[in-house]
């Protein structure tokens, strides 16, 4: 049982990091996808303001991040329950 809980916690950590990195705020990976669709003047502003957006997201976005990550963890939980049954 302790090994399965450890593996479960590793899965949760990977999901949190994956969803967090897909948020379109520079320097996260999701920003690289979004910035290719922006016109050049807006892209420059987007790149320079990215660190501010990241700081705001980290310090004030706890509830926002929770709403993004919870459904993904719930889906992974339901898949694991189906596999275990």
PDB file of N, CA and C in Angstrom:
ATOM      1  N   UNK A   1       0.808  -1.204   0.000  1.00  0.00           N
ATOM      2  CA  UNK A   1       0.000   0.000   0.000  1.00  0.00           C
ATOM      3  C   UNK A   1       0.857   1.277   0.000  1.00  0.00           C
ATOM      4  N   UNK A   2       1.925   1.383   0.784  1.00  0.00           N
ATOM      5  CA  UNK A   2       2.714   2.619   0.759  1.00  0.00           C
ATOM      6  C   UNK A   2       3.320   2.908  -0.615  1.00  0.00           C
ATOM      7  N   UNK A   3       3.695   1.866  -1.346  1.00  0.00           N
ATOM      8  CA  UNK A   3       4.278   2.097  -2.676  1.00  0.00           C
ATOM      9  C   UNK A   3       3.229   2.648  -3.626  1.00  0.00           C
ATOM     10  N   UNK A   4       1.998   2.142  -3.552  1.00  0.00           N
ATOM     11  CA  UNK A   4       0.948   2.652  -4.432  1.00  0.00           C
ATOM     12  C   UNK A   4       0.601   4.104  -4.095  1.00  0.00           C
ATOM     13  N   UNK A   5       0.614   4.458  -2.818  1.00  0.00           N
ATOM     14  CA  UNK A   5       0.373   5.863  -2.438  1.00  0.00           C
ATOM     15  C   UNK A   5       1.501   6.760  -2.931  1.00  0.00           C
ATOM     16  N   UNK A   6       2.716   6.278  -2.855  1.00  0.00           N
ATOM     17  CA  UNK A   6       3.856   7.033  -3.348  1.00  0.00           C
ATOM     18  C   UNK A   6       3.747   7.259  -4.854  1.00  0.00           C
ATOM     19  N   UNK A   7       3.387   6.226  -5.593  1.00  0.00           N
ATOM     20  CA  UNK A   7       3.229   6.347  -7.043  1.00  0.00           C
ATOM     21  C   UNK A   7       2.076   7.295  -7.366  1.00  0.00           C
ATOM     22  N   UNK A   8       0.997   7.222  -6.588  1.00  0.00           N
ATOM     23  CA  UNK A   8      -0.132   8.140  -6.789  1.00  0.00           C
ATOM     24  C   UNK A   8       0.302   9.589  -6.580  1.00  0.00           C
ATOM     25  N   UNK A   9       1.051   9.852  -5.534  1.00  0.00           N
ATOM     26  CA  UNK A   9       1.525  11.215  -5.272  1.00  0.00           C
ATOM     27  C   UNK A   9       2.456  11.698  -6.382  1.00  0.00           C
ATOM     28  N   UNK A  10       3.287  10.815  -6.910  1.00  0.00           N
ATOM     29  CA  UNK A  10       4.134  11.184  -8.050  1.00  0.00           C
ATOM     30  C   UNK A  10       3.287  11.553  -9.261  1.00  0.00           C
ATOM     31  N   UNK A  11       2.193  10.803  -9.480  1.00  0.00           N
ATOM     32  CA  UNK A  11       1.297  11.120 -10.584  1.00  0.00           C
ATOM     33  C   UNK A  11       0.666  12.495 -10.394  1.00  0.00           C
ATOM     34  N   UNK A  12       0.220  12.794  -9.182  1.00  0.00           N
ATOM     35  CA  UNK A  12      -0.403  14.091  -8.912  1.00  0.00           C
ATOM     36  C   UNK A  12       0.597  15.225  -9.147  1.00  0.00           C
ATOM     37  N   UNK A  13       1.828  15.042  -8.708  1.00  0.00           N
ATOM     38  CA  UNK A  13       2.861  16.061  -8.924  1.00  0.00           C
ATOM     39  C   UNK A  13       3.095  16.277 -10.411  1.00  0.00           C
ATOM     40  N   UNK A  14       3.143  15.205 -11.188  1.00  0.00           N
ATOM     41  CA  UNK A  14       3.335  15.340 -12.632  1.00  0.00           C
ATOM     42  C   UNK A  14       2.167  16.039 -13.302  1.00  0.00           C
ATOM     43  N   UNK A  15       0.946  15.757 -12.863  1.00  0.00           N
ATOM     44  CA  UNK A  15      -0.223  16.433 -13.430  1.00  0.00           C
ATOM     45  C   UNK A  15      -0.188  17.918 -13.108  1.00  0.00           C
ATOM     46  N   UNK A  16       0.115  18.257 -11.868  1.00  0.00           N
ATOM     47  CA  UNK A  16       0.182  19.670 -11.472  1.00  0.00           C
ATOM     48  C   UNK A  16       1.236  20.410 -12.305  1.00  0.00           C
ATOM     49  N   UNK A  17       2.410  19.825 -12.443  1.00  0.00           N
ATOM     50  CA  UNK A  17       3.460  20.478 -13.227  1.00  0.00           C
ATOM     51  C   UNK A  17       3.088  20.584 -14.701  1.00  0.00           C
ATOM     52  N   UNK A  18       2.455  19.545 -15.243  1.00  0.00           N
ATOM     53  CA  UNK A  18       2.059  19.575 -16.649  1.00  0.00           C
ATOM     54  C   UNK A  18       1.017  20.635 -16.934  1.00  0.00           C
ATOM     55  N   UNK A  19      -0.027  20.706 -16.118  1.00  0.00           N
ATOM     56  CA  UNK A  19      -1.080  21.712 -16.317  1.00  0.00           C
ATOM     57  C   UNK A  19      -0.519  23.112 -16.086  1.00  0.00           C
ATOM     58  N   UNK A  20       0.306  23.270 -15.076  1.00  0.00           N
ATOM     59  CA  UNK A  20       0.898  24.581 -14.800  1.00  0.00           C
ATOM     60  C   UNK A  20       1.743  25.055 -15.970  1.00  0.00           C
ATOM     61  N   UNK A  21       2.525  24.174 -16.565  1.00  0.00           N
ATOM     62  CA  UNK A  21       3.376  24.568 -17.694  1.00  0.00           C
ATOM     63  C   UNK A  21       2.581  24.893 -18.945  1.00  0.00           C
ATOM     64  N   UNK A  22       1.364  24.403 -19.083  1.00  0.00           N
ATOM     65  CA  UNK A  22       0.563  24.677 -20.274  1.00  0.00           C
ATOM     66  C   UNK A  22      -0.197  26.000 -20.188  1.00  0.00           C
ATOM     67  N   UNK A  23      -0.142  26.676 -19.063  1.00  0.00           N
ATOM     68  CA  UNK A  23      -0.787  27.985 -18.935  1.00  0.00           C
ATOM     69  C   UNK A  23      -0.049  28.973 -19.846  1.00  0.00           C
ATOM     70  N   UNK A  24      -0.793  29.744 -20.660  1.00  0.00           N
ATOM     71  CA  UNK A  24      -0.127  30.625 -21.632  1.00  0.00           C
ATOM     72  C   UNK A  24       0.427  31.918 -21.043  1.00  0.00           C
ATOM     73  N   UNK A  25       1.301  31.798 -20.072  1.00  0.00           N
ATOM     74  CA  UNK A  25       1.990  32.944 -19.476  1.00  0.00           C
ATOM     75  C   UNK A  25       3.485  32.712 -19.649  1.00  0.00           C
ATOM     76  N   UNK A  26       4.197  33.660 -20.277  1.00  0.00           N
ATOM     77  CA  UNK A  26       5.647  33.473 -20.414  1.00  0.00           C
ATOM     78  C   UNK A  26       6.295  33.415 -19.047  1.00  0.00           C
ATOM     79  N   UNK A  27       7.258  32.643 -18.824  1.00  0.00           N
ATOM     80  CA  UNK A  27       8.067  31.776 -19.674  1.00  0.00           C
ATOM     81  C   UNK A  27       7.583  30.333 -19.712  1.00  0.00           C
ATOM     82  N   UNK A  28       6.344  30.064 -19.316  1.00  0.00           N
ATOM     83  CA  UNK A  28       5.832  28.696 -19.329  1.00  0.00           C
ATOM     84  C   UNK A  28       5.663  28.211 -20.767  1.00  0.00           C
ATOM     85  N   UNK A  29       5.602  26.901 -20.949  1.00  0.00           N
ATOM     86  CA  UNK A  29       5.565  26.322 -22.290  1.00  0.00           C
ATOM     87  C   UNK A  29       4.306  26.684 -23.068  1.00  0.00           C
ATOM     88  N   UNK A  30       3.204  26.886 -22.392  1.00  0.00           N
ATOM     89  CA  UNK A  30       1.969  27.253 -23.076  1.00  0.00           C
ATOM     90  C   UNK A  30       2.061  28.597 -23.779  1.00  0.00           C
ATOM     91  N   UNK A  31       2.955  29.449 -23.329  1.00  0.00           N
ATOM     92  CA  UNK A  31       3.102  30.761 -23.965  1.00  0.00           C
ATOM     93  C   UNK A  31       3.719  30.650 -25.348  1.00  0.00           C
ATOM     94  N   UNK A  32       4.535  29.626 -25.573  1.00  0.00           N
ATOM     95  CA  UNK A  32       5.168  29.475 -26.881  1.00  0.00           C
ATOM     96  C   UNK A  32       4.139  29.143 -27.952  1.00  0.00           C
ATOM     97  N   UNK A  33       3.098  28.440 -27.583  1.00  0.00           N
ATOM     98  CA  UNK A  33       2.036  28.127 -28.537  1.00  0.00           C
ATOM     99  C   UNK A  33       1.232  29.383 -28.830  1.00  0.00           C
ATOM    100  N   UNK A  34       0.839  30.105 -27.801  1.00  0.00           N
ATOM    101  CA  UNK A  34       0.005  31.288 -27.973  1.00  0.00           C
ATOM    102  C   UNK A  34       0.729  32.402 -28.713  1.00  0.00           C
ATOM    103  N   UNK A  35       1.995  32.608 -28.432  1.00  0.00           N
ATOM    104  CA  UNK A  35       2.701  33.756 -29.013  1.00  0.00           C
ATOM    105  C   UNK A  35       2.854  33.660 -30.521  1.00  0.00           C
ATOM    106  N   UNK A  36       2.783  32.469 -31.100  1.00  0.00           N
ATOM    107  CA  UNK A  36       2.895  32.337 -32.559  1.00  0.00           C
ATOM    108  C   UNK A  36       1.651  32.833 -33.276  1.00  0.00           C
ATOM    109  N   UNK A  37       0.553  32.994 -32.564  1.00  0.00           N
ATOM    110  CA  UNK A  37      -0.677  33.489 -33.160  1.00  0.00           C
ATOM    111  C   UNK A  37      -0.860  34.997 -32.979  1.00  0.00           C
ATOM    112  N   UNK A  38       0.051  35.635 -32.266  1.00  0.00           N
ATOM    113  CA  UNK A  38      -0.065  37.071 -31.999  1.00  0.00           C
ATOM    114  C   UNK A  38       0.664  37.883 -33.060  1.00  0.00           C
ATOM    115  N   UNK A  39       0.136  39.075 -33.410  1.00  0.00           N
ATOM    116  CA  UNK A  39       0.872  39.971 -34.308  1.00  0.00           C
ATOM    117  C   UNK A  39       2.152  40.474 -33.631  1.00  0.00           C
ATOM    118  N   UNK A  40       3.106  40.912 -34.418  1.00  0.00           N
ATOM    119  CA  UNK A  40       4.439  41.280 -33.918  1.00  0.00           C
ATOM    120  C   UNK A  40       4.418  42.337 -32.803  1.00  0.00           C
ATOM    121  N   UNK A  41       3.671  43.455 -32.930  1.00  0.00           N
ATOM    122  CA  UNK A  41       3.714  44.442 -31.825  1.00  0.00           C
ATOM    123  C   UNK A  41       3.150  43.889 -30.510  1.00  0.00           C
ATOM    124  N   UNK A  42       2.092  43.108 -30.606  1.00  0.00           N
ATOM    125  CA  UNK A  42       1.500  42.545 -29.400  1.00  0.00           C
ATOM    126  C   UNK A  42       2.420  41.471 -28.819  1.00  0.00           C
ATOM    127  N   UNK A  43       3.109  40.742 -29.684  1.00  0.00           N
ATOM    128  CA  UNK A  43       4.024  39.695 -29.236  1.00  0.00           C
ATOM    129  C   UNK A  43       5.165  40.276 -28.402  1.00  0.00           C
ATOM    130  N   UNK A  44       5.685  41.445 -28.804  1.00  0.00           N
ATOM    131  CA  UNK A  44       6.771  42.068 -28.038  1.00  0.00           C
ATOM    132  C   UNK A  44       6.304  42.466 -26.639  1.00  0.00           C
ATOM    133  N   UNK A  45       5.115  43.036 -26.558  1.00  0.00           N
ATOM    134  CA  UNK A  45       4.558  43.414 -25.253  1.00  0.00           C
ATOM    135  C   UNK A  45       4.288  42.160 -24.428  1.00  0.00           C
ATOM    136  N   UNK A  46       3.755  41.135 -25.074  1.00  0.00           N
ATOM    137  CA  UNK A  46       3.462  39.864 -24.404  1.00  0.00           C
ATOM    138  C   UNK A  46       4.731  39.251 -23.817  1.00  0.00           C
ATOM    139  N   UNK A  47       5.816  39.299 -24.559  1.00  0.00           N
ATOM    140  CA  UNK A  47       7.082  38.734 -24.074  1.00  0.00           C
ATOM    141  C   UNK A  47       7.669  39.535 -22.921  1.00  0.00           C
ATOM    142  N   UNK A  48       7.584  40.872 -22.987  1.00  0.00           N
ATOM    143  CA  UNK A  48       8.171  41.688 -21.929  1.00  0.00           C
ATOM    144  C   UNK A  48       7.335  41.675 -20.650  1.00  0.00           C
ATOM    145  N   UNK A  49       6.045  41.537 -20.769  1.00  0.00           N
ATOM    146  CA  UNK A  49       5.169  41.538 -19.597  1.00  0.00           C
ATOM    147  C   UNK A  49       4.984  40.138 -19.003  1.00  0.00           C
ATOM    148  N   UNK A  50       5.610  39.150 -19.599  1.00  0.00           N
ATOM    149  CA  UNK A  50       5.407  37.772 -19.168  1.00  0.00           C
ATOM    150  C   UNK A  50       5.807  37.499 -17.747  1.00  0.00           C
ATOM    151  N   UNK A  51       6.921  38.026 -17.305  1.00  0.00           N
ATOM    152  CA  UNK A  51       7.373  37.768 -15.931  1.00  0.00           C
ATOM    153  C   UNK A  51       6.403  38.364 -14.915  1.00  0.00           C
ATOM    154  N   UNK A  52       5.834  39.506 -15.255  1.00  0.00           N
ATOM    155  CA  UNK A  52       4.848  40.110 -14.348  1.00  0.00           C
ATOM    156  C   UNK A  52       3.629  39.201 -14.254  1.00  0.00           C
ATOM    157  N   UNK A  53       3.174  38.691 -15.406  1.00  0.00           N
ATOM    158  CA  UNK A  53       2.035  37.780 -15.419  1.00  0.00           C
ATOM    159  C   UNK A  53       2.300  36.513 -14.640  1.00  0.00           C
ATOM    160  N   UNK A  54       3.506  36.006 -14.742  1.00  0.00           N
ATOM    161  CA  UNK A  54       3.865  34.799 -14.006  1.00  0.00           C
ATOM    162  C   UNK A  54       3.859  35.059 -12.506  1.00  0.00           C
ATOM    163  N   UNK A  55       4.399  36.185 -12.081  1.00  0.00           N
ATOM    164  CA  UNK A  55       4.398  36.523 -10.653  1.00  0.00           C
ATOM    165  C   UNK A  55       2.977  36.692 -10.128  1.00  0.00           C
ATOM    166  N   UNK A  56       2.127  37.352 -10.899  1.00  0.00           N
ATOM    167  CA  UNK A  56       0.730  37.520 -10.495  1.00  0.00           C
ATOM    168  C   UNK A  56       0.045  36.159 -10.408  1.00  0.00           C
ATOM    169  N   UNK A  57       0.329  35.302 -11.375  1.00  0.00           N
ATOM    170  CA  UNK A  57      -0.271  33.967 -11.383  1.00  0.00           C
ATOM    171  C   UNK A  57       0.166  33.148 -10.177  1.00  0.00           C
ATOM    172  N   UNK A  58       1.426  33.213  -9.837  1.00  0.00           N
ATOM    173  CA  UNK A  58       1.939  32.424  -8.711  1.00  0.00           C
ATOM    174  C   UNK A  58       1.436  32.973  -7.376  1.00  0.00           C
ATOM    175  N   UNK A  59       1.464  34.281  -7.193  1.00  0.00           N
ATOM    176  CA  UNK A  59       1.108  34.857  -5.897  1.00  0.00           C
ATOM    177  C   UNK A  59      -0.393  34.998  -5.666  1.00  0.00           C
ATOM    178  N   UNK A  60      -1.157  35.274  -6.734  1.00  0.00           N
ATOM    179  CA  UNK A  60      -2.581  35.554  -6.549  1.00  0.00           C
ATOM    180  C   UNK A  60      -3.487  34.547  -7.249  1.00  0.00           C
ATOM    181  N   UNK A  61      -2.917  33.583  -7.935  1.00  0.00           N
ATOM    182  CA  UNK A  61      -3.731  32.683  -8.741  1.00  0.00           C
ATOM    183  C   UNK A  61      -3.960  31.319  -8.143  1.00  0.00           C
ATOM    184  N   UNK A  62      -3.863  31.171  -6.839  1.00  0.00           N
ATOM    185  CA  UNK A  62      -4.040  29.862  -6.217  1.00  0.00           C
ATOM    186  C   UNK A  62      -5.392  29.242  -6.509  1.00  0.00           C
ATOM    187  N   UNK A  63      -6.450  30.016  -6.398  1.00  0.00           N
ATOM    188  CA  UNK A  63      -7.792  29.517  -6.677  1.00  0.00           C
ATOM    189  C   UNK A  63      -7.947  29.203  -8.162  1.00  0.00           C
ATOM    190  N   UNK A  64      -7.387  30.047  -9.011  1.00  0.00           N
ATOM    191  CA  UNK A  64      -7.424  29.823 -10.456  1.00  0.00           C
ATOM    192  C   UNK A  64      -6.692  28.542 -10.821  1.00  0.00           C
ATOM    193  N   UNK A  65      -5.508  28.354 -10.248  1.00  0.00           N
ATOM    194  CA  UNK A  65      -4.738  27.134 -10.515  1.00  0.00           C
ATOM    195  C   UNK A  65      -5.471  25.898 -10.003  1.00  0.00           C
ATOM    196  N   UNK A  66      -6.119  26.013  -8.877  1.00  0.00           N
ATOM    197  CA  UNK A  66      -6.872  24.889  -8.331  1.00  0.00           C
ATOM    198  C   UNK A  66      -8.002  24.486  -9.273  1.00  0.00           C
ATOM    199  N   UNK A  67      -8.685  25.458  -9.856  1.00  0.00           N
ATOM    200  CA  UNK A  67      -9.772  25.163 -10.793  1.00  0.00           C
ATOM    201  C   UNK A  67      -9.253  24.553 -12.091  1.00  0.00           C
ATOM    202  N   UNK A  68      -8.040  24.877 -12.478  1.00  0.00           N
ATOM    203  CA  UNK A  68      -7.459  24.282 -13.675  1.00  0.00           C
ATOM    204  C   UNK A  68      -6.988  22.849 -13.433  1.00  0.00           C
ATOM    205  N   UNK A  69      -6.414  22.596 -12.288  1.00  0.00           N
ATOM    206  CA  UNK A  69      -5.763  21.320 -12.024  1.00  0.00           C
ATOM    207  C   UNK A  69      -6.735  20.265 -11.502  1.00  0.00           C
ATOM    208  N   UNK A  70      -7.730  20.651 -10.732  1.00  0.00           N
ATOM    209  CA  UNK A  70      -8.648  19.686 -10.115  1.00  0.00           C
ATOM    210  C   UNK A  70      -9.357  18.778 -11.122  1.00  0.00           C
ATOM    211  N   UNK A  71      -9.890  19.285 -12.245  1.00  0.00           N
ATOM    212  CA  UNK A  71     -10.553  18.373 -13.188  1.00  0.00           C
ATOM    213  C   UNK A  71      -9.604  17.349 -13.804  1.00  0.00           C
ATOM    214  N   UNK A  72      -8.361  17.733 -14.026  1.00  0.00           N
ATOM    215  CA  UNK A  72      -7.395  16.801 -14.610  1.00  0.00           C
ATOM    216  C   UNK A  72      -7.063  15.700 -13.611  1.00  0.00           C
ATOM    217  N   UNK A  73      -6.900  16.055 -12.351  1.00  0.00           N
ATOM    218  CA  UNK A  73      -6.635  15.045 -11.325  1.00  0.00           C
ATOM    219  C   UNK A  73      -7.856  14.150 -11.138  1.00  0.00           C
ATOM    220  N   UNK A  74      -9.053  14.732 -11.212  1.00  0.00           N
ATOM    221  CA  UNK A  74     -10.270  13.925 -11.115  1.00  0.00           C
ATOM    222  C   UNK A  74     -10.382  12.921 -12.253  1.00  0.00           C
ATOM    223  N   UNK A  75     -10.027  13.338 -13.466  1.00  0.00           N
ATOM    224  CA  UNK A  75     -10.050  12.416 -14.605  1.00  0.00           C
ATOM    225  C   UNK A  75      -9.029  11.299 -14.426  1.00  0.00           C
ATOM    226  N   UNK A  76      -7.845  11.640 -13.950  1.00  0.00           N
ATOM    227  CA  UNK A  76      -6.823  10.617 -13.704  1.00  0.00           C
ATOM    228  C   UNK A  76      -7.281   9.662 -12.603  1.00  0.00           C
ATOM    229  N   UNK A  77      -7.931  10.182 -11.572  1.00  0.00           N
ATOM    230  CA  UNK A  77      -8.448   9.320 -10.507  1.00  0.00           C
ATOM    231  C   UNK A  77      -9.492   8.341 -11.043  1.00  0.00           C
ATOM    232  N   UNK A  78     -10.404   8.834 -11.885  1.00  0.00           N
ATOM    233  CA  UNK A  78     -11.437   7.942 -12.410  1.00  0.00           C
ATOM    234  C   UNK A  78     -10.837   6.871 -13.321  1.00  0.00           C
ATOM    235  N   UNK A  79      -9.807   7.212 -14.073  1.00  0.00           N
ATOM    236  CA  UNK A  79      -9.126   6.210 -14.902  1.00  0.00           C
ATOM    237  C   UNK A  79      -8.455   5.163 -14.024  1.00  0.00           C
ATOM    238  N   UNK A  80      -7.797   5.602 -12.961  1.00  0.00           N
ATOM    239  CA  UNK A  80      -7.149   4.656 -12.062  1.00  0.00           C
ATOM    240  C   UNK A  80      -8.157   3.750 -11.354  1.00  0.00           C
ATOM    241  N   UNK A  81      -9.315   4.300 -10.995  1.00  0.00           N
ATOM    242  CA  UNK A  81     -10.338   3.486 -10.344  1.00  0.00           C
ATOM    243  C   UNK A  81     -10.870   2.430 -11.300  1.00  0.00           C
ATOM    244  N   UNK A  82     -11.068   2.792 -12.576  1.00  0.00           N
ATOM    245  CA  UNK A  82     -11.528   1.809 -13.571  1.00  0.00           C
ATOM    246  C   UNK A  82     -10.502   0.714 -13.781  1.00  0.00           C
ATOM    247  N   UNK A  83      -9.228   1.081 -13.791  1.00  0.00           N
ATOM    248  CA  UNK A  83      -8.169   0.094 -13.992  1.00  0.00           C
ATOM    249  C   UNK A  83      -8.081  -0.844 -12.786  1.00  0.00           C
ATOM    250  N   UNK A  84      -8.216  -0.285 -11.596  1.00  0.00           N
ATOM    251  CA  UNK A  84      -8.080  -1.078 -10.376  1.00  0.00           C
ATOM    252  C   UNK A  84      -9.269  -2.003 -10.141  1.00  0.00           C
ATOM    253  N   UNK A  85     -10.416  -1.687 -10.728  1.00  0.00           N
ATOM    254  CA  UNK A  85     -11.618  -2.500 -10.477  1.00  0.00           C
ATOM    255  C   UNK A  85     -11.638  -3.766 -11.283  1.00  0.00           C
TER     256      UNK A  85
END
